[in-house]
Amino acid sequence: MPIEIRMPALSPTMTEGNLARWLKKEGDEVHSGDVIAEIETDKATMEYEAADEGRLGKIIVPEGAQGIKVNQPIALLLEEGEDPAELEKFAVSAQPAVGAARAEPQGTPPVMPEPKTEPAAAPPAQTAPATAPVPAAEPVPAAENGRVFASPLARRMAVHAGLDLRAIRGSGPQGRIVKVDIERTLGQPGAAVPGVAPGTAPAGPAMPAVATQQVLALAGSPPYSEKPHSAMRRVIARRLTESKQTVPHFYMSVDCAIDELLRVRAVLNADRQDHISINDFVIRAAALALRQVPAANASWSDEAIILWERADISVAVALDDGLITPIVRGADLKGLAQIAAETRDLAQRARVGKLKLEEFQGGTFSISNLGMYGIREFAAVINPPQGGILAVGIGEQRPVVRNGQLTVATVMTCTLSCDHRAVDGAVGAQFLAAFKRLVEEPARMLL
């Protein structure tokens, strides 16, 4: 019997992906470990390695297909000596799983199970009429036990948004509610806003969804164009909203004189083709400061404060449609040259979507540097479950007072955002003091 090649789950939260490119064609031999396709997730384009051996008998999902649910068949693999005649009837039964409506595959449970209970009915005030006349919502077909038919992704989206599935008309097979139905409902004025984790209440008052027509009306309808949300932009919006709603941020800033750092950097780069950047010094200083003040290298959980024993530094990299945070793991154990080589490689591959999953998921502390854009000072949003993020501004010449005398120094302002549940004010201040000392005395980083 042909072996099904299914859409893989390339991250713990992935529910669907896009098939960017096939690297094997029908008839090609496939060995275990061969890269057979490139899969686009919400963060990166990742290589898909085969787990079985055989011959690629049939490609079910073509290149460029989008919104393919995890575990849906994307190709069929013939084992050695297997009759190709078995391929056609097997492919026919697998084909509906990747059609426009995409029913869930049979026989293999989804990566994330459906909730066992239906979401609570939304209050009537949350249901608002659409801007254009639409047919009245009809009850969704239900099984004898009263269960509403909806895909696992649609159920999770509804729970996040506080929507009542019974009030939504499904466009899938036999009235099944799918992703597009939830998105259409959320686009109506007054719809609930996704972003609050299931089973939790928002930290502040819930804000209503803002439809395009509402924005246009409030702005006075000037000329405009639309840029559709990408999967990455939706994830960024949801995570940042969750962070500001659920994490009690507090901020503190410090000014660092970096004239000595610039001098040391110039000496180190004199005989190097691959230069060490100021940001590499910042990563090294932050990692060493976390080692000196281990209470700052922390995350909050409901059971305990988790103290990380290694400084894995996430470094924000700007992309065309958002940002990604590749990780320098064990930065407290690495020298400046190694950090420089790693950050350069990670940033280059991040911009072309070639990072591996483990290279951008995780981290214990983040750094966001906007100094290259001339930004003097800013406060960054914490990336949960991390307990802090350091925002780094431009190094610029400013008047300073030293020993009662006015002079000029190159000063860089850094602002620490802390999760006050895990990192107290005194701990944050100790971290910044250690960081400032390392930046202003960079020889300490060379030990």
Protein backbone atom coordinates (compact mmCIF):
# COMPACT_ATOMS: atom_id res chain seq x y z
CA MET A 1 0.00 0.00 0.00
CA PRO A 2 1.38 3.47 -0.86
CA ILE A 3 2.73 5.50 2.03
CA GLU A 4 1.09 8.87 2.67
CA ILE A 5 3.41 11.86 2.98
CA ARG A 6 1.52 14.32 5.15
CA MET A 7 1.85 18.02 5.91
CA PRO A 8 4.19 18.11 8.93
CA ALA A 9 3.77 20.13 12.12
CA LEU A 10 6.97 22.20 12.06
CA SER A 11 6.20 24.07 15.28
CA PRO A 12 4.09 23.39 18.38
CA THR A 13 1.49 25.97 17.29
CA MET A 14 1.40 25.23 13.57
CA THR A 15 -2.04 24.21 12.29
CA GLU A 16 -1.52 24.79 8.57
CA GLY A 17 1.22 25.71 6.14
CA ASN A 18 1.98 26.51 2.50
CA LEU A 19 3.79 24.20 0.10
CA ALA A 20 6.40 26.52 -1.36
CA ARG A 21 8.33 24.10 -3.58
CA TRP A 22 8.76 20.43 -4.39
CA LEU A 23 12.42 19.36 -4.54
CA LYS A 24 11.50 15.90 -5.87
CA LYS A 25 9.29 15.09 -8.83
CA GLU A 26 7.04 12.13 -9.50
CA GLY A 27 9.12 9.05 -10.21
CA ASP A 28 12.16 10.20 -8.23
CA GLU A 29 13.78 7.87 -5.71
CA VAL A 30 13.39 9.06 -2.12
CA HIS A 31 15.66 8.01 0.73
CA SER A 32 15.16 8.60 4.42
CA GLY A 33 16.55 12.05 5.27
CA ASP A 34 16.22 13.42 1.74
CA VAL A 35 14.82 16.95 1.55
CA ILE A 36 11.72 16.56 -0.60
CA ALA A 37 9.92 19.89 -0.21
CA GLU A 38 10.01 23.39 1.27
CA ILE A 39 7.18 24.31 3.64
CA GLU A 40 6.24 27.89 4.55
CA THR A 41 5.11 28.48 8.12
CA ASP A 42 4.07 31.79 9.67
CA LYS A 43 7.73 32.50 10.50
CA ALA A 44 10.00 30.87 7.94
CA THR A 45 10.42 28.57 4.97
CA MET A 46 11.64 25.21 6.23
CA GLU A 47 12.92 22.05 4.58
CA TYR A 48 10.85 18.85 4.87
CA GLU A 49 12.90 15.67 5.17
CA ALA A 50 11.47 12.28 4.18
CA ALA A 51 11.08 9.69 6.93
CA ASP A 52 10.50 6.71 4.61
CA GLU A 53 12.14 5.30 1.49
CA GLY A 54 10.66 4.50 -1.89
CA ARG A 55 9.67 6.25 -5.10
CA LEU A 56 7.58 9.41 -5.24
CA GLY A 57 4.47 8.02 -6.90
CA LYS A 58 2.07 10.94 -6.91
CA ILE A 59 2.11 14.57 -5.83
CA ILE A 60 -1.33 15.43 -4.42
CA VAL A 61 -0.71 19.05 -3.43
CA PRO A 62 1.01 21.20 -6.08
CA GLU A 63 3.66 23.84 -5.52
CA GLY A 64 2.27 27.14 -4.28
CA ALA A 65 -0.73 25.60 -2.50
CA GLN A 66 -1.65 27.52 0.64
CA GLY A 67 -3.52 26.80 3.85
CA ILE A 68 -2.79 23.06 3.92
CA LYS A 69 -3.77 21.68 7.29
CA VAL A 70 -1.29 19.68 9.37
CA ASN A 71 -1.55 15.90 8.73
CA GLN A 72 -3.30 16.27 5.37
CA PRO A 73 -1.79 14.05 2.63
CA ILE A 74 0.41 15.98 0.21
CA ALA A 75 1.99 13.09 -1.74
CA LEU A 76 2.13 9.29 -2.03
CA LEU A 77 5.26 7.19 -1.81
CA LEU A 78 5.54 3.78 -3.50
CA GLU A 79 7.59 1.18 -1.69
CA GLU A 80 10.13 -0.91 -3.59
CA GLY A 81 8.40 -3.28 -6.03
CA GLU A 82 4.94 -1.86 -5.33
CA ASP A 83 2.47 -1.89 -8.21
CA PRO A 84 1.77 1.67 -9.46
CA ALA A 85 -1.79 0.56 -10.23
CA GLU A 86 -2.54 0.83 -6.51
CA LEU A 87 -1.72 4.50 -6.70
CA GLU A 88 -4.81 5.78 -8.50
CA LYS A 89 -7.54 4.47 -6.22
CA PHE A 90 -5.49 5.43 -3.16
CA ALA A 91 -5.00 8.96 -4.50
CA VAL A 92 -8.72 9.32 -5.21
CA SER A 93 -9.58 8.63 -1.57
CA ALA A 94 -6.88 11.03 -0.37
CA GLN A 95 -7.73 13.88 -2.76
CA PRO A 96 -10.73 15.39 -0.87
CA ALA A 97 -8.46 16.11 2.09
CA VAL A 98 -6.64 18.79 0.13
CA GLY A 99 -9.51 20.34 -1.78
CA ALA A 100 -10.82 23.85 -1.31
CA ALA A 101 -12.81 22.93 1.80
CA ARG A 102 -10.16 20.56 3.19
CA ALA A 103 -11.89 18.13 5.49
CA GLU A 104 -9.68 16.66 8.20
CA PRO A 105 -7.85 13.42 7.26
CA GLN A 106 -9.20 10.17 8.64
CA GLY A 107 -7.21 7.71 10.68
CA THR A 108 -4.61 10.17 12.00
CA PRO A 109 -5.54 12.46 14.88
CA PRO A 110 -4.80 16.17 14.46
CA VAL A 111 -1.73 17.55 16.19
CA MET A 112 -3.87 19.73 18.45
CA PRO A 113 -7.13 17.99 19.55
CA GLU A 114 -10.48 19.67 19.36
CA PRO A 115 -11.86 21.06 22.60
CA LYS A 116 -14.27 18.63 24.26
CA THR A 117 -16.69 21.37 25.22
CA GLU A 118 -18.30 23.97 23.08
CA PRO A 119 -17.37 27.62 23.65
CA ALA A 120 -19.89 29.60 25.65
CA ALA A 121 -22.48 31.49 23.69
CA ALA A 122 -21.46 35.07 22.99
CA PRO A 123 -23.71 37.76 24.46
CA PRO A 124 -26.24 39.11 21.94
CA ALA A 125 -24.51 42.54 22.05
CA GLN A 126 -21.43 41.02 20.38
CA THR A 127 -23.34 40.07 17.24
CA ALA A 128 -23.65 42.97 14.84
CA PRO A 129 -25.14 43.06 11.33
CA ALA A 130 -22.74 43.00 8.40
CA THR A 131 -22.23 46.16 6.40
CA ALA A 132 -23.85 44.54 3.36
CA PRO A 133 -27.08 42.48 3.38
CA VAL A 134 -26.30 38.81 3.91
CA PRO A 135 -28.55 35.79 4.31
CA ALA A 136 -29.71 35.26 7.85
CA ALA A 137 -27.57 32.84 9.81
CA GLU A 138 -29.01 29.36 9.96
CA PRO A 139 -28.33 26.75 12.62
CA VAL A 140 -25.22 24.79 11.83
CA PRO A 141 -25.95 21.12 11.08
CA ALA A 142 -25.36 19.09 14.20
CA ALA A 143 -24.97 15.45 14.99
CA GLU A 144 -27.46 13.60 17.14
CA ASN A 145 -25.46 14.53 20.24
CA GLY A 146 -25.86 18.22 19.40
CA ARG A 147 -22.23 18.76 18.38
CA VAL A 148 -21.56 21.61 15.96
CA PHE A 149 -19.51 20.59 12.92
CA ALA A 150 -16.33 22.71 12.73
CA SER A 151 -12.68 22.14 11.93
CA PRO A 152 -10.22 22.11 14.88
CA LEU A 153 -8.66 25.38 13.66
CA ALA A 154 -12.07 27.06 13.40
CA ARG A 155 -12.94 25.93 16.93
CA ARG A 156 -9.73 27.35 18.38
CA MET A 157 -10.20 30.64 16.51
CA ALA A 158 -13.77 30.88 17.81
CA VAL A 159 -12.69 30.27 21.41
CA HIS A 160 -9.94 32.90 21.10
CA ALA A 161 -12.40 35.42 19.68
CA GLY A 162 -15.32 34.62 21.98
CA LEU A 163 -17.58 33.64 19.08
CA ASP A 164 -20.58 31.31 19.30
CA LEU A 165 -20.15 28.61 16.66
CA ARG A 166 -23.90 27.99 16.66
CA ALA A 167 -24.46 31.47 15.24
CA ILE A 168 -22.08 31.00 12.30
CA ARG A 169 -23.03 29.51 8.95
CA GLY A 170 -20.39 27.09 7.70
CA SER A 171 -19.23 27.05 4.07
CA GLY A 172 -17.45 23.68 4.26
CA PRO A 173 -18.82 20.26 3.31
CA GLN A 174 -22.26 19.63 4.84
CA GLY A 175 -22.20 23.06 6.49
CA ARG A 176 -18.94 22.48 8.34
CA ILE A 177 -17.44 25.69 9.82
CA VAL A 178 -13.92 26.32 8.55
CA LYS A 179 -11.28 29.03 8.94
CA VAL A 180 -12.71 31.38 6.29
CA ASP A 181 -16.06 31.44 8.08
CA ILE A 182 -14.44 32.63 11.31
CA GLU A 183 -12.39 35.25 9.45
CA ARG A 184 -15.51 36.52 7.66
CA THR A 185 -17.35 36.79 10.99
CA LEU A 186 -14.45 38.64 12.61
CA GLY A 187 -14.47 41.12 9.72
CA GLN A 188 -18.00 42.24 10.59
CA PRO A 189 -18.44 45.32 12.80
CA GLY A 190 -18.73 44.45 16.48
CA ALA A 191 -17.12 41.03 16.16
CA ALA A 192 -14.93 39.84 19.02
CA VAL A 193 -11.18 40.26 18.86
CA PRO A 194 -8.84 37.25 18.79
CA GLY A 195 -5.81 37.37 21.04
CA VAL A 196 -6.94 36.20 24.48
CA ALA A 197 -5.90 32.65 25.30
CA PRO A 198 -8.75 30.14 25.71
CA GLY A 199 -10.09 30.00 29.23
CA THR A 200 -8.57 33.33 30.25
CA ALA A 201 -9.98 36.82 30.55
CA PRO A 202 -8.28 39.85 29.06
CA ALA A 203 -6.24 41.98 31.45
CA GLY A 204 -8.21 45.08 30.50
CA PRO A 205 -11.53 45.89 28.84
CA ALA A 206 -12.00 44.02 25.56
CA MET A 207 -11.80 46.23 22.51
CA PRO A 208 -14.21 45.67 19.64
CA ALA A 209 -12.95 44.54 16.27
CA VAL A 210 -12.42 47.38 13.83
CA ALA A 211 -13.63 46.59 10.32
CA THR A 212 -12.17 48.34 7.28
CA GLN A 213 -15.39 50.28 6.71
CA GLN A 214 -15.30 51.60 10.27
CA VAL A 215 -11.71 52.78 9.83
CA LEU A 216 -12.59 54.51 6.57
CA ALA A 217 -15.57 56.25 8.12
CA LEU A 218 -13.56 57.49 11.09
CA ALA A 219 -10.74 58.72 8.85
CA GLY A 220 -13.09 60.58 6.54
CA SER A 221 -12.54 58.16 3.62
CA PRO A 222 -9.34 59.61 2.10
CA PRO A 223 -7.73 57.68 -0.81
CA TYR A 224 -6.17 54.43 0.36
CA SER A 225 -4.87 51.00 -0.61
CA GLU A 226 -5.02 47.74 1.31
CA LYS A 227 -2.21 45.37 2.31
CA PRO A 228 -3.71 42.01 3.30
CA HIS A 229 -2.51 40.52 6.58
CA SER A 230 0.11 37.81 6.23
CA ALA A 231 0.21 34.86 8.61
CA MET A 232 3.28 36.41 10.27
CA ARG A 233 1.57 39.76 10.80
CA ARG A 234 -1.46 38.07 12.38
CA VAL A 235 0.75 36.11 14.77
CA ILE A 236 2.72 39.24 15.72
CA ALA A 237 -0.51 41.16 16.36
CA ARG A 238 -1.94 38.37 18.51
CA ARG A 239 1.21 37.76 20.57
CA LEU A 240 1.90 41.45 21.22
CA THR A 241 -1.70 42.01 22.23
CA GLU A 242 -1.53 39.06 24.61
CA SER A 243 1.76 40.32 26.02
CA LYS A 244 0.51 43.83 26.79
CA GLN A 245 -2.79 42.51 28.18
CA THR A 246 -1.41 39.76 30.40
CA VAL A 247 2.19 40.72 31.28
CA PRO A 248 2.68 43.62 33.77
CA HIS A 249 5.46 45.55 32.03
CA PHE A 250 7.68 48.03 33.81
CA TYR A 251 10.57 49.97 32.32
CA MET A 252 13.91 51.41 33.38
CA SER A 253 16.63 53.08 31.30
CA VAL A 254 20.36 53.61 31.59
CA ASP A 255 22.84 55.72 29.59
CA CYS A 256 26.04 53.93 28.61
CA ALA A 257 29.17 55.77 27.48
CA ILE A 258 30.61 53.68 24.62
CA ASP A 259 33.76 55.58 23.62
CA GLU A 260 36.01 52.84 25.06
CA LEU A 261 33.87 50.15 23.43
CA LEU A 262 34.28 51.88 20.06
CA ARG A 263 38.03 52.05 20.59
CA VAL A 264 38.28 48.33 21.45
CA ARG A 265 36.02 47.45 18.53
CA ALA A 266 38.26 49.37 16.13
CA VAL A 267 41.32 47.47 17.40
CA LEU A 268 39.58 44.08 17.09
CA ASN A 269 38.33 44.85 13.58
CA ALA A 270 41.65 46.18 12.27
CA ASP A 271 42.78 42.78 11.00
CA ARG A 272 39.36 41.17 10.45
CA GLN A 273 37.29 40.91 7.30
CA ASP A 274 34.16 39.93 9.25
CA HIS A 275 33.73 42.88 11.57
CA ILE A 276 32.34 42.72 15.08
CA SER A 277 29.38 45.06 15.46
CA ILE A 278 28.27 47.15 18.41
CA ASN A 279 25.27 44.83 18.69
CA ASP A 280 27.61 41.86 19.16
CA PHE A 281 29.11 43.66 22.17
CA VAL A 282 25.57 44.33 23.45
CA ILE A 283 24.63 40.63 23.14
CA ARG A 284 27.78 39.56 24.97
CA ALA A 285 27.30 42.19 27.71
CA ALA A 286 23.63 41.26 28.23
CA ALA A 287 24.49 37.56 28.45
CA LEU A 288 27.27 38.15 30.98
CA ALA A 289 25.03 40.50 32.99
CA LEU A 290 22.38 37.76 33.15
CA ARG A 291 25.02 35.39 34.49
CA GLN A 292 26.05 37.95 37.12
CA VAL A 293 22.39 38.62 38.05
CA PRO A 294 20.72 35.23 37.51
CA ALA A 295 17.42 36.43 39.00
CA ALA A 296 16.97 38.58 35.86
CA ASN A 297 17.18 35.53 33.60
CA ALA A 298 13.72 34.36 34.60
CA SER A 299 10.25 33.45 33.36
CA TRP A 300 6.91 33.39 35.15
CA SER A 301 4.69 30.34 35.50
CA ASP A 302 1.66 29.86 37.73
CA GLU A 303 3.56 27.28 39.79
CA ALA A 304 6.98 28.93 40.14
CA ILE A 305 9.46 31.46 38.80
CA ILE A 306 11.71 29.61 36.37
CA LEU A 307 15.37 30.63 36.58
CA TRP A 308 17.27 29.80 33.40
CA GLU A 309 20.80 28.49 33.82
CA ARG A 310 21.96 29.59 30.37
CA ALA A 311 21.65 32.90 28.55
CA ASP A 312 19.96 32.22 25.20
CA ILE A 313 19.63 35.65 23.62
CA SER A 314 16.89 36.28 21.05
CA VAL A 315 17.90 39.04 18.63
CA ALA A 316 15.15 40.90 16.76
CA VAL A 317 15.66 40.96 12.97
CA ALA A 318 13.40 43.13 10.81
CA LEU A 319 11.74 41.48 7.80
CA ASP A 320 9.62 42.96 5.02
CA ASP A 321 6.39 41.98 6.77
CA GLY A 322 7.31 41.82 10.43
CA LEU A 323 10.19 40.55 12.49
CA ILE A 324 11.72 37.33 13.70
CA THR A 325 14.01 36.63 16.66
CA PRO A 326 16.80 34.14 15.90
CA ILE A 327 18.60 32.92 19.01
CA VAL A 328 22.26 33.02 20.03
CA ARG A 329 22.24 30.08 22.40
CA GLY A 330 24.65 30.10 25.32
CA ALA A 331 25.82 33.61 24.51
CA ASP A 332 27.36 33.86 27.98
CA LEU A 333 29.70 31.00 26.99
CA LYS A 334 30.78 32.45 23.62
CA GLY A 335 33.34 35.05 22.66
CA LEU A 336 32.69 38.17 20.58
CA ALA A 337 34.03 36.64 17.35
CA GLN A 338 31.77 33.60 17.63
CA ILE A 339 28.74 35.74 18.50
CA ALA A 340 29.48 37.99 15.51
CA ALA A 341 29.69 35.03 13.12
CA GLU A 342 26.48 33.47 14.46
CA THR A 343 24.41 36.66 14.42
CA ARG A 344 25.54 37.46 10.88
CA ASP A 345 24.60 33.99 9.65
CA LEU A 346 21.28 33.93 11.51
CA ALA A 347 20.26 37.37 10.24
CA GLN A 348 21.10 36.51 6.63
CA ARG A 349 19.11 33.28 6.72
CA ALA A 350 16.25 34.94 8.60
CA ARG A 351 15.79 37.48 5.80
CA VAL A 352 15.43 34.73 3.18
CA GLY A 353 13.26 32.49 5.39
CA LYS A 354 15.82 29.72 5.82
CA LEU A 355 15.99 29.42 9.61
CA LYS A 356 15.40 26.06 11.26
CA LEU A 357 12.65 25.84 13.84
CA GLU A 358 15.01 25.52 16.78
CA GLU A 359 16.92 28.62 15.62
CA PHE A 360 14.05 31.04 16.26
CA GLN A 361 11.80 29.35 18.81
CA GLY A 362 12.78 29.69 22.45
CA GLY A 363 15.28 32.03 24.08
CA THR A 364 15.45 33.32 27.65
CA PHE A 365 15.95 37.06 27.00
CA SER A 366 15.59 39.38 23.98
CA ILE A 367 17.44 42.34 22.49
CA SER A 368 15.90 44.81 20.05
CA ASN A 369 18.28 47.36 18.52
CA LEU A 370 16.93 50.31 16.52
CA GLY A 371 20.06 52.41 16.78
CA MET A 372 20.84 51.89 13.10
CA TYR A 373 17.64 53.83 12.33
CA GLY A 374 18.70 56.80 14.44
CA ILE A 375 16.29 55.99 17.27
CA ARG A 376 17.57 57.45 20.53
CA GLU A 377 15.33 55.64 23.01
CA PHE A 378 12.33 53.30 22.99
CA ALA A 379 10.63 50.61 25.08
CA ALA A 380 10.09 47.16 23.58
CA VAL A 381 7.25 44.69 24.24
CA ILE A 382 8.20 41.50 26.10
CA ASN A 383 8.10 38.26 24.13
CA PRO A 384 6.41 35.74 26.51
CA PRO A 385 7.38 33.58 28.26
CA GLN A 386 10.63 35.56 28.53
CA GLY A 387 10.93 37.86 31.52
CA GLY A 388 12.68 40.77 29.82
CA ILE A 389 13.76 42.54 26.65
CA LEU A 390 16.44 45.20 26.22
CA ALA A 391 15.77 48.05 23.77
CA VAL A 392 18.98 49.62 22.41
CA GLY A 393 19.18 53.09 20.89
CA ILE A 394 21.75 54.91 18.79
CA GLY A 395 25.21 55.76 20.11
CA GLU A 396 25.52 59.51 19.66
CA GLN A 397 27.67 62.33 20.97
CA ARG A 398 26.05 64.12 23.90
CA PRO A 399 27.22 66.64 26.49
CA VAL A 400 28.01 64.95 29.81
CA VAL A 401 29.47 66.12 33.13
CA ARG A 402 32.57 64.33 34.42
CA ASN A 403 34.37 65.39 37.59
CA GLY A 404 32.45 68.66 37.54
CA GLN A 405 33.53 69.44 33.99
CA LEU A 406 31.33 69.56 30.91
CA THR A 407 32.60 67.30 28.13
CA VAL A 408 31.34 65.32 25.14
CA ALA A 409 30.92 61.54 25.13
CA THR A 410 29.34 58.93 22.84
CA VAL A 411 26.29 57.77 24.76
CA MET A 412 23.85 54.91 24.08
CA THR A 413 20.51 54.71 25.91
CA CYS A 414 19.22 51.23 26.74
CA THR A 415 15.76 50.54 28.17
CA LEU A 416 14.87 47.31 29.96
CA SER A 417 11.27 46.04 29.86
CA CYS A 418 10.60 43.55 32.66
CA ASP A 419 7.79 41.19 33.53
CA HIS A 420 7.15 42.46 37.05
CA ARG A 421 5.77 39.07 38.12
CA ALA A 422 9.17 37.42 37.60
CA VAL A 423 11.69 40.29 37.74
CA ASP A 424 11.44 42.84 40.55
CA GLY A 425 12.56 46.44 40.15
CA ALA A 426 15.70 45.92 42.23
CA VAL A 427 16.67 42.88 40.14
CA GLY A 428 16.18 44.82 36.92
CA ALA A 429 18.29 47.67 38.28
CA GLN A 430 21.08 45.26 39.24
CA PHE A 431 21.03 43.78 35.75
CA LEU A 432 21.29 47.22 34.13
CA ALA A 433 24.13 48.20 36.47
CA ALA A 434 26.06 45.05 35.51
CA PHE A 435 25.30 45.62 31.83
CA LYS A 436 26.41 49.27 31.96
CA ARG A 437 29.69 48.35 33.64
CA LEU A 438 30.48 45.73 30.98
CA VAL A 439 29.65 48.10 28.11
CA GLU A 440 31.70 50.95 29.55
CA GLU A 441 34.61 48.64 30.46
CA PRO A 442 34.58 46.28 27.42
CA ALA A 443 37.88 44.62 28.40
CA ARG A 444 35.78 42.67 30.94
CA MET A 445 34.01 41.01 28.00
CA LEU A 446 37.29 39.73 26.57
CA LEU A 447 38.08 37.53 29.56
